[in-house]
Full PDB file with SEQRES, HELIX, SHEET, SSBOND, CRYST1, ORIGX, SCALE, CONECT and MASTER records, all heavy atoms in Angstrom:
SEQRES   1 A   31  LYS LEU GLY LYS ASP VAL GLU THR LEU ARG PHE ALA SER          
SEQRES   2 A   31  PRO ALA ALA SER LEU PHE GLY TYR LEU ASN TRP HIS PHE          
SEQRES   3 A   31  ASP GLU THR TYR ILE                                          
HELIX    1 AA1 GLY A    3  THR A    8  5                                   6    
HELIX    2 AA2 PRO A   14  ALA A   16  5                                   3    
HELIX    3 AA3 PHE A   26  TYR A   30  1                                   5    
SHEET    1 AA1 2 SER A  17  LEU A  18  0                                        
SHEET    2 AA1 2 LEU A  22  ASN A  23 -1                                        
CRYST1    1.000    1.000    1.000  90.00  90.00  90.00 P 1           1          
ORIGX1      1.000000  0.000000  0.000000        0.00000                         
ORIGX2      0.000000  1.000000  0.000000        0.00000                         
ORIGX3      0.000000  0.000000  1.000000        0.00000                         
SCALE1      1.000000  0.000000  0.000000        0.00000                         
SCALE2      0.000000  1.000000  0.000000        0.00000                         
SCALE3      0.000000  0.000000  1.000000        0.00000                         
ATOM      1  N   LYS A   1     109.841 -15.256 167.938  1.00  0.00           N  
ATOM      2  CA  LYS A   1     108.567 -15.439 168.636  1.00  0.00           C  
ATOM      3  C   LYS A   1     108.167 -16.915 168.721  1.00  0.00           C  
ATOM      4  O   LYS A   1     107.278 -17.267 169.499  1.00  0.00           O  
ATOM      5  CB  LYS A   1     107.473 -14.653 167.917  1.00  0.00           C  
ATOM      6  CG  LYS A   1     107.678 -13.142 167.933  1.00  0.00           C  
ATOM      7  CD  LYS A   1     106.580 -12.431 167.168  1.00  0.00           C  
ATOM      8  CE  LYS A   1     106.792 -10.925 167.138  1.00  0.00           C  
ATOM      9  NZ  LYS A   1     105.742 -10.229 166.346  1.00  0.00           N  
ATOM     10  N   LEU A   2     108.821 -17.761 167.933  1.00  0.00           N  
ATOM     11  CA  LEU A   2     108.537 -19.195 167.979  1.00  0.00           C  
ATOM     12  C   LEU A   2     109.286 -19.901 169.103  1.00  0.00           C  
ATOM     13  O   LEU A   2     108.999 -21.060 169.406  1.00  0.00           O  
ATOM     14  CB  LEU A   2     108.909 -19.853 166.647  1.00  0.00           C  
ATOM     15  CG  LEU A   2     107.881 -19.798 165.532  1.00  0.00           C  
ATOM     16  CD1 LEU A   2     108.499 -20.283 164.224  1.00  0.00           C  
ATOM     17  CD2 LEU A   2     106.665 -20.648 165.875  1.00  0.00           C  
ATOM     18  N   GLY A   3     110.261 -19.234 169.688  1.00  0.00           N  
ATOM     19  CA  GLY A   3     111.064 -19.896 170.714  1.00  0.00           C  
ATOM     20  C   GLY A   3     111.805 -21.083 170.130  1.00  0.00           C  
ATOM     21  O   GLY A   3     112.329 -21.031 169.018  1.00  0.00           O  
ATOM     22  N   LYS A   4     111.814 -22.195 170.853  1.00  0.00           N  
ATOM     23  CA  LYS A   4     112.556 -23.371 170.404  1.00  0.00           C  
ATOM     24  C   LYS A   4     111.931 -24.038 169.176  1.00  0.00           C  
ATOM     25  O   LYS A   4     112.592 -24.800 168.484  1.00  0.00           O  
ATOM     26  CB  LYS A   4     112.663 -24.381 171.545  1.00  0.00           C  
ATOM     27  CG  LYS A   4     113.631 -23.961 172.638  1.00  0.00           C  
ATOM     28  CD  LYS A   4     113.913 -25.109 173.581  1.00  0.00           C  
ATOM     29  CE  LYS A   4     115.003 -24.723 174.581  1.00  0.00           C  
ATOM     30  NZ  LYS A   4     115.331 -25.849 175.493  1.00  0.00           N  
ATOM     31  N   ASP A   5     110.660 -23.740 168.914  1.00  0.00           N  
ATOM     32  CA  ASP A   5     110.004 -24.362 167.759  1.00  0.00           C  
ATOM     33  C   ASP A   5     110.651 -23.960 166.439  1.00  0.00           C  
ATOM     34  O   ASP A   5     110.526 -24.678 165.439  1.00  0.00           O  
ATOM     35  CB  ASP A   5     108.521 -24.006 167.731  1.00  0.00           C  
ATOM     36  CG  ASP A   5     107.732 -24.713 168.820  1.00  0.00           C  
ATOM     37  OD1 ASP A   5     108.166 -25.797 169.261  1.00  0.00           O  
ATOM     38  OD2 ASP A   5     106.690 -24.173 169.240  1.00  0.00           O  
ATOM     39  N   VAL A   6     111.335 -22.817 166.400  1.00  0.00           N  
ATOM     40  CA  VAL A   6     111.987 -22.410 165.160  1.00  0.00           C  
ATOM     41  C   VAL A   6     113.087 -23.394 164.781  1.00  0.00           C  
ATOM     42  O   VAL A   6     113.428 -23.552 163.596  1.00  0.00           O  
ATOM     43  CB  VAL A   6     112.545 -20.976 165.273  1.00  0.00           C  
ATOM     44  CG1 VAL A   6     113.809 -20.927 166.114  1.00  0.00           C  
ATOM     45  CG2 VAL A   6     112.810 -20.389 163.887  1.00  0.00           C  
ATOM     46  N   GLU A   7     113.648 -24.085 165.758  1.00  0.00           N  
ATOM     47  CA  GLU A   7     114.731 -25.032 165.490  1.00  0.00           C  
ATOM     48  C   GLU A   7     114.245 -26.253 164.719  1.00  0.00           C  
ATOM     49  O   GLU A   7     115.024 -26.888 164.010  1.00  0.00           O  
ATOM     50  CB  GLU A   7     115.383 -25.463 166.805  1.00  0.00           C  
ATOM     51  CG  GLU A   7     116.039 -24.317 167.561  1.00  0.00           C  
ATOM     52  CD  GLU A   7     116.570 -24.741 168.925  1.00  0.00           C  
ATOM     53  OE1 GLU A   7     116.818 -25.945 169.125  1.00  0.00           O  
ATOM     54  OE2 GLU A   7     116.721 -23.860 169.799  1.00  0.00           O  
ATOM     55  N   THR A   8     112.957 -26.599 164.846  1.00  0.00           N  
ATOM     56  CA  THR A   8     112.413 -27.765 164.138  1.00  0.00           C  
ATOM     57  C   THR A   8     111.528 -27.369 162.956  1.00  0.00           C  
ATOM     58  O   THR A   8     110.897 -28.228 162.341  1.00  0.00           O  
ATOM     59  CB  THR A   8     111.622 -28.663 165.101  1.00  0.00           C  
ATOM     60  OG1 THR A   8     110.691 -27.879 165.846  1.00  0.00           O  
ATOM     61  CG2 THR A   8     112.559 -29.384 166.057  1.00  0.00           C  
ATOM     62  N   LEU A   9     111.455 -26.073 162.650  1.00  0.00           N  
ATOM     63  CA  LEU A   9     110.780 -25.624 161.434  1.00  0.00           C  
ATOM     64  C   LEU A   9     111.612 -26.045 160.229  1.00  0.00           C  
ATOM     65  O   LEU A   9     112.821 -25.870 160.204  1.00  0.00           O  
ATOM     66  CB  LEU A   9     110.624 -24.109 161.459  1.00  0.00           C  
ATOM     67  CG  LEU A   9     110.145 -23.408 160.175  1.00  0.00           C  
ATOM     68  CD1 LEU A   9     108.758 -23.905 159.767  1.00  0.00           C  
ATOM     69  CD2 LEU A   9     110.136 -21.894 160.373  1.00  0.00           C  
ATOM     70  N   ARG A  10     110.941 -26.607 159.236  1.00  0.00           N  
ATOM     71  CA  ARG A  10     111.658 -27.077 158.049  1.00  0.00           C  
ATOM     72  C   ARG A  10     112.365 -25.923 157.344  1.00  0.00           C  
ATOM     73  O   ARG A  10     111.832 -24.832 157.225  1.00  0.00           O  
ATOM     74  CB  ARG A  10     110.683 -27.752 157.082  1.00  0.00           C  
ATOM     75  CG  ARG A  10     111.357 -28.435 155.901  1.00  0.00           C  
ATOM     76  CD  ARG A  10     110.371 -29.230 155.095  1.00  0.00           C  
ATOM     77  NE  ARG A  10     109.891 -30.390 155.837  1.00  0.00           N  
ATOM     78  CZ  ARG A  10     110.566 -31.523 155.985  1.00  0.00           C  
ATOM     79  NH1 ARG A  10     111.766 -31.654 155.459  1.00  0.00           N  
ATOM     80  NH2 ARG A  10     110.046 -32.522 156.660  1.00  0.00           N  
ATOM     81  N   PHE A  11     113.591 -26.172 156.880  1.00  0.00           N  
ATOM     82  CA  PHE A  11     114.364 -25.164 156.161  1.00  0.00           C  
ATOM     83  C   PHE A  11     113.647 -24.748 154.881  1.00  0.00           C  
ATOM     84  O   PHE A  11     112.925 -25.539 154.271  1.00  0.00           O  
ATOM     85  CB  PHE A  11     115.736 -25.720 155.768  1.00  0.00           C  
ATOM     86  CG  PHE A  11     116.767 -25.658 156.851  1.00  0.00           C  
ATOM     87  CD1 PHE A  11     116.827 -26.641 157.826  1.00  0.00           C  
ATOM     88  CD2 PHE A  11     117.687 -24.622 156.909  1.00  0.00           C  
ATOM     89  CE1 PHE A  11     117.785 -26.600 158.829  1.00  0.00           C  
ATOM     90  CE2 PHE A  11     118.640 -24.567 157.905  1.00  0.00           C  
ATOM     91  CZ  PHE A  11     118.698 -25.559 158.871  1.00  0.00           C  
ATOM     92  N   ALA A  12     113.866 -23.520 154.481  1.00  0.00           N  
ATOM     93  CA  ALA A  12     113.393 -23.084 153.169  1.00  0.00           C  
ATOM     94  C   ALA A  12     114.095 -23.890 152.088  1.00  0.00           C  
ATOM     95  O   ALA A  12     115.186 -24.431 152.301  1.00  0.00           O  
ATOM     96  CB  ALA A  12     113.682 -21.595 152.986  1.00  0.00           C  
ATOM     97  N   SER A  13     113.473 -23.982 150.930  1.00  0.00           N  
ATOM     98  CA  SER A  13     114.086 -24.683 149.804  1.00  0.00           C  
ATOM     99  C   SER A  13     115.337 -23.943 149.340  1.00  0.00           C  
ATOM    100  O   SER A  13     115.378 -22.707 149.356  1.00  0.00           O  
ATOM    101  CB  SER A  13     113.098 -24.765 148.644  1.00  0.00           C  
ATOM    102  OG  SER A  13     113.749 -25.110 147.437  1.00  0.00           O  
ATOM    103  N   PRO A  14     116.375 -24.674 148.898  1.00  0.00           N  
ATOM    104  CA  PRO A  14     117.548 -24.001 148.329  1.00  0.00           C  
ATOM    105  C   PRO A  14     117.205 -23.099 147.151  1.00  0.00           C  
ATOM    106  O   PRO A  14     117.901 -22.129 146.880  1.00  0.00           O  
ATOM    107  CB  PRO A  14     118.434 -25.171 147.889  1.00  0.00           C  
ATOM    108  CG  PRO A  14     118.026 -26.313 148.746  1.00  0.00           C  
ATOM    109  CD  PRO A  14     116.549 -26.131 148.961  1.00  0.00           C  
ATOM    110  N   ALA A  15     116.086 -23.412 146.463  1.00  0.00           N  
ATOM    111  CA  ALA A  15     115.666 -22.588 145.324  1.00  0.00           C  
ATOM    112  C   ALA A  15     115.027 -21.278 145.777  1.00  0.00           C  
ATOM    113  O   ALA A  15     114.834 -20.372 144.971  1.00  0.00           O  
ATOM    114  CB  ALA A  15     114.685 -23.372 144.455  1.00  0.00           C  
ATOM    115  N   ALA A  16     114.674 -21.178 147.071  1.00  0.00           N  
ATOM    116  CA  ALA A  16     114.007 -19.975 147.575  1.00  0.00           C  
ATOM    117  C   ALA A  16     114.829 -19.280 148.650  1.00  0.00           C  
ATOM    118  O   ALA A  16     114.310 -18.502 149.434  1.00  0.00           O  
ATOM    119  CB  ALA A  16     112.638 -20.346 148.134  1.00  0.00           C  
ATOM    120  N   SER A  17     116.131 -19.558 148.687  1.00  0.00           N  
ATOM    121  CA  SER A  17     116.988 -18.960 149.708  1.00  0.00           C  
ATOM    122  C   SER A  17     118.421 -18.945 149.183  1.00  0.00           C  
ATOM    123  O   SER A  17     118.725 -19.564 148.162  1.00  0.00           O  
ATOM    124  CB  SER A  17     116.910 -19.752 151.011  1.00  0.00           C  
ATOM    125  OG  SER A  17     117.290 -21.098 150.795  1.00  0.00           O  
ATOM    126  N   LEU A  18     119.302 -18.277 149.884  1.00  0.00           N  
ATOM    127  CA  LEU A  18     120.708 -18.246 149.507  1.00  0.00           C  
ATOM    128  C   LEU A  18     121.456 -19.274 150.336  1.00  0.00           C  
ATOM    129  O   LEU A  18     121.384 -19.255 151.566  1.00  0.00           O  
ATOM    130  CB  LEU A  18     121.301 -16.855 149.740  1.00  0.00           C  
ATOM    131  CG  LEU A  18     122.777 -16.676 149.340  1.00  0.00           C  
ATOM    132  CD1 LEU A  18     122.944 -16.864 147.835  1.00  0.00           C  
ATOM    133  CD2 LEU A  18     123.283 -15.288 149.761  1.00  0.00           C  
ATOM    134  N   PHE A  19     122.154 -20.192 149.645  1.00  0.00           N  
ATOM    135  CA  PHE A  19     122.903 -21.259 150.288  1.00  0.00           C  
ATOM    136  C   PHE A  19     121.993 -22.209 151.077  1.00  0.00           C  
ATOM    137  O   PHE A  19     122.469 -23.019 151.861  1.00  0.00           O  
ATOM    138  CB  PHE A  19     123.986 -20.717 151.238  1.00  0.00           C  
ATOM    139  CG  PHE A  19     124.902 -19.711 150.617  1.00  0.00           C  
ATOM    140  CD1 PHE A  19     125.084 -18.470 151.184  1.00  0.00           C  
ATOM    141  CD2 PHE A  19     125.574 -20.003 149.431  1.00  0.00           C  
ATOM    142  CE1 PHE A  19     125.934 -17.532 150.604  1.00  0.00           C  
ATOM    143  CE2 PHE A  19     126.413 -19.072 148.843  1.00  0.00           C  
ATOM    144  CZ  PHE A  19     126.597 -17.842 149.424  1.00  0.00           C  
ATOM    145  N   GLY A  20     120.662 -22.084 150.886  1.00  0.00           N  
ATOM    146  CA  GLY A  20     119.752 -22.976 151.579  1.00  0.00           C  
ATOM    147  C   GLY A  20     119.346 -22.515 152.962  1.00  0.00           C  
ATOM    148  O   GLY A  20     118.535 -23.163 153.616  1.00  0.00           O  
ATOM    149  N   TYR A  21     119.881 -21.389 153.463  1.00  0.00           N  
ATOM    150  CA  TYR A  21     119.492 -20.980 154.810  1.00  0.00           C  
ATOM    151  C   TYR A  21     119.322 -19.480 155.003  1.00  0.00           C  
ATOM    152  O   TYR A  21     118.820 -19.045 156.033  1.00  0.00           O  
ATOM    153  CB  TYR A  21     120.480 -21.513 155.852  1.00  0.00           C  
ATOM    154  CG  TYR A  21     121.946 -21.268 155.562  1.00  0.00           C  
ATOM    155  CD1 TYR A  21     122.524 -20.011 155.744  1.00  0.00           C  
ATOM    156  CD2 TYR A  21     122.753 -22.302 155.108  1.00  0.00           C  
ATOM    157  CE1 TYR A  21     123.865 -19.801 155.490  1.00  0.00           C  
ATOM    158  CE2 TYR A  21     124.099 -22.103 154.846  1.00  0.00           C  
ATOM    159  CZ  TYR A  21     124.646 -20.854 155.040  1.00  0.00           C  
ATOM    160  OH  TYR A  21     125.977 -20.644 154.776  1.00  0.00           O  
ATOM    161  N   LEU A  22     119.707 -18.641 154.089  1.00  0.00           N  
ATOM    162  CA  LEU A  22     119.494 -17.200 154.241  1.00  0.00           C  
ATOM    163  C   LEU A  22     118.198 -16.830 153.522  1.00  0.00           C  
ATOM    164  O   LEU A  22     118.083 -16.953 152.308  1.00  0.00           O  
ATOM    165  CB  LEU A  22     120.666 -16.423 153.648  1.00  0.00           C  
ATOM    166  CG  LEU A  22     120.606 -14.897 153.777  1.00  0.00           C  
ATOM    167  CD1 LEU A  22     120.618 -14.486 155.243  1.00  0.00           C  
ATOM    168  CD2 LEU A  22     121.766 -14.243 153.053  1.00  0.00           C  
ATOM    169  N   ASN A  23     117.188 -16.392 154.300  1.00  0.00           N  
ATOM    170  CA  ASN A  23     115.847 -16.184 153.762  1.00  0.00           C  
ATOM    171  C   ASN A  23     115.663 -14.781 153.195  1.00  0.00           C  
ATOM    172  O   ASN A  23     116.031 -13.791 153.829  1.00  0.00           O  
ATOM    173  CB  ASN A  23     114.814 -16.426 154.859  1.00  0.00           C  
ATOM    174  CG  ASN A  23     114.795 -17.861 155.339  1.00  0.00           C  
ATOM    175  OD1 ASN A  23     115.255 -18.757 154.644  1.00  0.00           O  
ATOM    176  ND2 ASN A  23     114.274 -18.089 156.529  1.00  0.00           N  
ATOM    177  N   TRP A  24     115.028 -14.711 152.008  1.00  0.00           N  
ATOM    178  CA  TRP A  24     114.716 -13.437 151.377  1.00  0.00           C  
ATOM    179  C   TRP A  24     113.240 -13.364 151.044  1.00  0.00           C  
ATOM    180  O   TRP A  24     112.595 -14.374 150.748  1.00  0.00           O  
ATOM    181  CB  TRP A  24     115.516 -13.260 150.081  1.00  0.00           C  
ATOM    182  CG  TRP A  24     116.940 -12.857 150.311  1.00  0.00           C  
ATOM    183  CD1 TRP A  24     117.434 -12.177 151.386  1.00  0.00           C  
ATOM    184  CD2 TRP A  24     118.047 -13.115 149.453  1.00  0.00           C  
ATOM    185  NE1 TRP A  24     118.787 -11.998 151.248  1.00  0.00           N  
ATOM    186  CE2 TRP A  24     119.195 -12.566 150.068  1.00  0.00           C  
ATOM    187  CE3 TRP A  24     118.192 -13.748 148.234  1.00  0.00           C  
ATOM    188  CZ2 TRP A  24     120.459 -12.628 149.504  1.00  0.00           C  
ATOM    189  CZ3 TRP A  24     119.445 -13.814 147.663  1.00  0.00           C  
ATOM    190  CH2 TRP A  24     120.574 -13.255 148.288  1.00  0.00           C  
ATOM    191  N   HIS A  25     112.733 -12.142 151.052  1.00  0.00           N  
ATOM    192  CA  HIS A  25     111.358 -11.893 150.659  1.00  0.00           C  
ATOM    193  C   HIS A  25     111.285 -11.782 149.140  1.00  0.00           C  
ATOM    194  O   HIS A  25     112.295 -11.581 148.465  1.00  0.00           O  
ATOM    195  CB  HIS A  25     110.868 -10.600 151.328  1.00  0.00           C  
ATOM    196  CG  HIS A  25     109.442 -10.281 151.043  1.00  0.00           C  
ATOM    197  ND1 HIS A  25     109.046  -9.139 150.389  1.00  0.00           N  
ATOM    198  CD2 HIS A  25     108.312 -10.959 151.319  1.00  0.00           C  
ATOM    199  CE1 HIS A  25     107.730  -9.129 150.271  1.00  0.00           C  
ATOM    200  NE2 HIS A  25     107.255 -10.215 150.827  1.00  0.00           N  
ATOM    201  N   PHE A  26     110.070 -11.888 148.601  1.00  0.00           N  
ATOM    202  CA  PHE A  26     109.843 -11.839 147.156  1.00  0.00           C  
ATOM    203  C   PHE A  26     110.396 -10.562 146.545  1.00  0.00           C  
ATOM    204  O   PHE A  26     111.098 -10.583 145.532  1.00  0.00           O  
ATOM    205  CB  PHE A  26     108.336 -11.949 146.897  1.00  0.00           C  
ATOM    206  CG  PHE A  26     107.959 -12.111 145.456  1.00  0.00           C  
ATOM    207  CD1 PHE A  26     108.135 -13.315 144.806  1.00  0.00           C  
ATOM    208  CD2 PHE A  26     107.402 -11.052 144.748  1.00  0.00           C  
ATOM    209  CE1 PHE A  26     107.769 -13.472 143.473  1.00  0.00           C  
ATOM    210  CE2 PHE A  26     107.037 -11.193 143.420  1.00  0.00           C  
ATOM    211  CZ  PHE A  26     107.221 -12.409 142.788  1.00  0.00           C  
ATOM    212  N   ASP A  27     110.110  -9.416 147.152  1.00  0.00           N  
ATOM    213  CA  ASP A  27     110.594  -8.131 146.628  1.00  0.00           C  
ATOM    214  C   ASP A  27     112.121  -8.053 146.652  1.00  0.00           C  
ATOM    215  O   ASP A  27     112.752  -7.492 145.746  1.00  0.00           O  
ATOM    216  CB  ASP A  27     110.027  -6.975 147.452  1.00  0.00           C  
ATOM    217  CG  ASP A  27     108.606  -6.613 147.037  1.00  0.00           C  
ATOM    218  OD1 ASP A  27     108.178  -7.064 145.968  1.00  0.00           O  
ATOM    219  OD2 ASP A  27     107.939  -5.888 147.792  1.00  0.00           O  
ATOM    220  N   GLU A  28     112.720  -8.601 147.701  1.00  0.00           N  
ATOM    221  CA  GLU A  28     114.174  -8.543 147.845  1.00  0.00           C  
ATOM    222  C   GLU A  28     114.879  -9.349 146.759  1.00  0.00           C  
ATOM    223  O   GLU A  28     115.964  -8.991 146.305  1.00  0.00           O  
ATOM    224  CB  GLU A  28     114.567  -9.064 149.229  1.00  0.00           C  
ATOM    225  CG  GLU A  28     114.033  -8.195 150.354  1.00  0.00           C  
ATOM    226  CD  GLU A  28     114.104  -8.871 151.704  1.00  0.00           C  
ATOM    227  OE1 GLU A  28     114.156 -10.119 151.756  1.00  0.00           O  
ATOM    228  OE2 GLU A  28     114.104  -8.158 152.710  1.00  0.00           O  
ATOM    229  N   THR A  29     114.250 -10.412 146.327  1.00  0.00           N  
ATOM    230  CA  THR A  29     114.807 -11.220 145.238  1.00  0.00           C  
ATOM    231  C   THR A  29     114.966 -10.375 143.977  1.00  0.00           C  
ATOM    232  O   THR A  29     115.970 -10.465 143.266  1.00  0.00           O  
ATOM    233  CB  THR A  29     113.904 -12.431 144.954  1.00  0.00           C  
ATOM    234  OG1 THR A  29     113.799 -13.219 146.139  1.00  0.00           O  
ATOM    235  CG2 THR A  29     114.477 -13.286 143.839  1.00  0.00           C  
ATOM    236  N   TYR A  30     113.981  -9.532 143.682  1.00  0.00           N  
ATOM    237  CA  TYR A  30     114.047  -8.678 142.501  1.00  0.00           C  
ATOM    238  C   TYR A  30     115.167  -7.647 142.614  1.00  0.00           C  
ATOM    239  O   TYR A  30     115.857  -7.351 141.633  1.00  0.00           O  
ATOM    240  CB  TYR A  30     112.694  -7.986 142.288  1.00  0.00           C  
ATOM    241  CG  TYR A  30     111.790  -8.780 141.389  1.00  0.00           C  
ATOM    242  CD1 TYR A  30     111.122  -9.894 141.873  1.00  0.00           C  
ATOM    243  CD2 TYR A  30     111.644  -8.460 140.050  1.00  0.00           C  
ATOM    244  CE1 TYR A  30     110.308 -10.649 141.053  1.00  0.00           C  
ATOM    245  CE2 TYR A  30     110.837  -9.199 139.214  1.00  0.00           C  
ATOM    246  CZ  TYR A  30     110.170 -10.301 139.719  1.00  0.00           C  
ATOM    247  OH  TYR A  30     109.382 -11.059 138.896  1.00  0.00           O  
ATOM    248  N   ILE A  31     115.330  -7.092 143.802  1.00  0.00           N  
ATOM    249  CA  ILE A  31     116.397  -6.109 143.997  1.00  0.00           C  
ATOM    250  C   ILE A  31     117.750  -6.720 143.671  1.00  0.00           C  
ATOM    251  O   ILE A  31     118.587  -6.128 142.977  1.00  0.00           O  
ATOM    252  CB  ILE A  31     116.378  -5.581 145.446  1.00  0.00           C  
ATOM    253  CG1 ILE A  31     115.114  -4.764 145.695  1.00  0.00           C  
ATOM    254  CG2 ILE A  31     117.626  -4.742 145.735  1.00  0.00           C  
ATOM    255  CD1 ILE A  31     114.913  -4.379 147.137  1.00  0.00           C  
TER     256      ILE A  31                                                      
MASTER        0    0    0    3    2    0    0    6  255    1    0    3          
END                                                                             
């Protein structure tokens, strides 16, 4: 829904994602 703006959105922190780019929700981390 962000269109091209998603390309310039800052990446999630490596501490809050897998390999620095695969995003997970809080609940999914526990699973």
